[in-house]
């Protein structure tokens, strides 16, 4: 049985001679790990759609009665590739990887979380135009934590409860 979803590629791992293991943050599936058979050799099915931080519309399947494990990614079409230029500098790549890792750590497999998906899209759009600074990272980290349901209380001191 195949399903369709929209997702952002957050990690790729070469597997064997022509396959890739792809980690995605999806709209309706949350975090998804899948294998794209022949993706490095095939010029028709994937055509560079599985590049890091690309937003893709993809079709995948799972073996019947098997919830865990890798999904089989059958096809993918590019929705947006404007996020793929985050590798323009080492700092931008490092910040993108750091924030994507935090988001995917907080996301759950099989549980849709549109807020996390949208935050990741907004982070990648911001990295397209801005050079990340420490303030940039701190602001987006707070937004990620807020989307996960962890919002630090910055209105008072946690030691003495006095106003800041």
Protein backbone atom coordinates (compact mmCIF):
# COMPACT_ATOMS: atom_id res chain seq x y z
CA UNK A 1 0.00 0.00 0.00
CA UNK A 2 1.42 3.35 -1.05
CA UNK A 3 0.87 6.76 0.50
CA UNK A 4 1.76 10.30 -0.61
CA UNK A 5 3.18 13.02 1.57
CA UNK A 6 5.02 16.32 1.46
CA UNK A 7 8.38 16.46 3.21
CA UNK A 8 11.76 18.14 3.61
CA UNK A 9 14.92 16.04 3.28
CA UNK A 10 16.90 16.52 6.49
CA UNK A 11 19.52 13.79 6.11
CA UNK A 12 20.84 11.40 3.46
CA UNK A 13 23.10 8.40 3.89
CA UNK A 14 24.61 6.47 0.98
CA UNK A 15 23.70 2.80 1.20
CA UNK A 16 25.25 0.20 -1.03
CA UNK A 17 26.20 1.05 -4.59
CA UNK A 18 23.13 2.95 -5.71
CA UNK A 19 20.70 3.36 -2.78
CA UNK A 20 20.22 6.11 -0.22
CA UNK A 21 18.63 6.14 3.20
CA UNK A 22 16.65 9.36 3.45
CA UNK A 23 15.36 11.05 6.59
CA UNK A 24 12.40 13.36 6.04
CA UNK A 25 10.27 15.69 8.11
CA UNK A 26 6.78 15.28 6.66
CA UNK A 27 3.49 17.13 6.89
CA UNK A 28 1.27 14.17 7.74
CA UNK A 29 3.75 11.49 8.81
CA UNK A 30 6.07 13.50 11.08
CA UNK A 31 9.54 12.02 10.99
CA UNK A 32 10.01 9.37 8.30
CA UNK A 33 13.01 7.20 7.48
CA UNK A 34 13.00 5.60 4.06
CA UNK A 35 15.18 3.95 1.50
CA UNK A 36 15.30 5.17 -2.09
CA UNK A 37 16.38 2.16 -4.13
CA UNK A 38 18.59 3.07 -7.06
CA UNK A 39 18.42 6.81 -6.32
CA UNK A 40 22.09 7.46 -7.01
CA UNK A 41 21.99 5.56 -10.31
CA UNK A 42 18.49 6.47 -11.55
CA UNK A 43 18.22 9.62 -13.63
CA UNK A 44 14.45 9.26 -14.12
CA UNK A 45 12.77 8.53 -10.80
CA UNK A 46 14.55 10.94 -8.47
CA UNK A 47 16.49 13.41 -10.68
CA UNK A 48 18.31 15.18 -7.79
CA UNK A 49 15.04 15.61 -5.89
CA UNK A 50 16.47 13.99 -2.78
CA UNK A 51 19.06 16.70 -2.17
CA UNK A 52 19.46 17.99 1.38
CA UNK A 53 16.75 20.47 2.46
CA UNK A 54 14.68 20.06 -0.72
CA UNK A 55 10.94 20.10 -0.20
CA UNK A 56 9.48 17.14 -2.08
CA UNK A 57 6.17 15.51 -2.81
CA UNK A 58 6.83 11.79 -2.57
CA UNK A 59 5.18 8.39 -2.69
CA UNK A 60 6.22 5.68 -0.27
CA UNK A 61 5.17 2.26 0.94
CA UNK A 62 5.57 0.09 3.98
CA UNK A 63 5.39 -3.66 4.28
CA UNK A 64 2.01 -4.87 5.49
CA UNK A 65 1.80 -5.16 9.27
CA UNK A 66 5.13 -3.43 9.77
CA UNK A 67 5.07 -0.04 11.49
CA UNK A 68 8.77 0.35 12.25
CA UNK A 69 11.69 0.08 9.87
CA UNK A 70 12.39 1.86 6.66
CA UNK A 71 9.70 2.95 4.25
CA UNK A 72 10.34 2.32 0.56
CA UNK A 73 10.38 5.63 -1.30
CA UNK A 74 8.96 4.92 -4.76
CA UNK A 75 9.04 8.36 -6.38
CA UNK A 76 9.66 12.00 -5.57
CA UNK A 77 8.93 15.28 -7.28
CA UNK A 78 10.44 18.60 -6.38
CA UNK A 79 8.20 21.20 -4.75
CA UNK A 80 10.85 23.74 -3.68
CA UNK A 81 14.62 23.70 -3.92
CA UNK A 82 15.34 27.21 -2.72
CA UNK A 83 16.54 25.78 0.59
CA UNK A 84 19.25 23.71 -1.05
CA UNK A 85 21.67 26.67 -1.25
CA UNK A 86 22.28 26.71 2.50
CA UNK A 87 25.69 25.19 1.79
CA UNK A 88 26.98 28.55 0.56
CA UNK A 89 29.13 28.85 3.70
CA UNK A 90 30.30 26.56 6.45
CA UNK A 91 28.47 28.59 9.10
CA UNK A 92 25.16 28.48 7.21
CA UNK A 93 25.48 24.72 6.67
CA UNK A 94 26.32 24.14 10.32
CA UNK A 95 23.38 26.21 11.57
CA UNK A 96 20.98 24.50 9.14
CA UNK A 97 22.18 21.07 10.26
CA UNK A 98 22.02 22.02 13.95
CA UNK A 99 18.48 23.38 13.85
CA UNK A 100 17.24 20.57 11.57
CA UNK A 101 18.72 18.02 13.99
CA UNK A 102 16.94 19.59 16.96
CA UNK A 103 13.65 19.62 15.05
CA UNK A 104 13.94 16.01 13.91
CA UNK A 105 14.93 14.93 17.42
CA UNK A 106 11.73 16.50 18.75
CA UNK A 107 9.52 15.15 15.95
CA UNK A 108 7.90 11.75 16.34
CA UNK A 109 7.50 9.05 13.74
CA UNK A 110 3.93 8.64 12.57
CA UNK A 111 2.71 11.82 14.30
CA UNK A 112 1.97 14.84 12.15
CA UNK A 113 3.30 18.14 13.48
CA UNK A 114 2.61 20.95 11.05
CA UNK A 115 4.17 23.52 13.42
CA UNK A 116 7.60 21.86 13.32
CA UNK A 117 7.38 21.47 9.56
CA UNK A 118 6.54 25.15 9.11
CA UNK A 119 9.31 26.25 11.48
CA UNK A 120 11.85 24.22 9.50
CA UNK A 121 10.61 25.81 6.25
CA UNK A 122 10.88 29.29 7.76
CA UNK A 123 14.39 28.59 9.07
CA UNK A 124 15.57 27.46 5.63
CA UNK A 125 13.94 30.51 3.99
CA UNK A 126 15.70 32.80 6.50
CA UNK A 127 19.04 31.09 5.89
CA UNK A 128 18.62 31.74 2.20
CA UNK A 129 18.82 35.51 2.75
CA UNK A 130 20.60 35.98 6.08
CA UNK A 131 24.05 35.10 7.32
CA UNK A 132 23.43 33.33 10.64
CA UNK A 133 24.71 34.97 13.79
CA UNK A 134 24.51 33.81 17.40
CA UNK A 135 21.35 35.91 17.80
CA UNK A 136 19.84 34.26 14.72
CA UNK A 137 20.47 30.80 16.20
CA UNK A 138 19.09 31.79 19.63
CA UNK A 139 15.89 33.31 18.18
CA UNK A 140 15.20 30.29 15.96
CA UNK A 141 16.05 27.88 18.77
CA UNK A 142 13.40 29.56 20.96
CA UNK A 143 10.89 29.28 18.09
CA UNK A 144 11.70 25.59 17.66
CA UNK A 145 11.30 24.95 21.40
CA UNK A 146 8.00 26.86 21.40
CA UNK A 147 6.71 24.73 18.49
CA UNK A 148 7.65 21.62 20.50
CA UNK A 149 5.70 22.90 23.51
CA UNK A 150 8.68 24.05 25.58
CA UNK A 151 8.51 27.76 26.16
CA UNK A 152 11.01 29.13 28.67
CA UNK A 153 9.69 31.68 31.15
CA UNK A 154 11.75 34.81 30.58
CA UNK A 155 9.50 37.17 32.56
CA UNK A 156 11.18 36.52 35.91
CA UNK A 157 14.35 35.16 37.47
CA UNK A 158 14.18 31.40 38.06
CA UNK A 159 16.33 31.69 41.21
CA UNK A 160 14.67 34.52 43.12
CA UNK A 161 11.39 34.99 41.14
CA UNK A 162 12.20 38.69 40.79
CA UNK A 163 11.24 40.61 37.64
CA UNK A 164 13.93 40.71 34.97
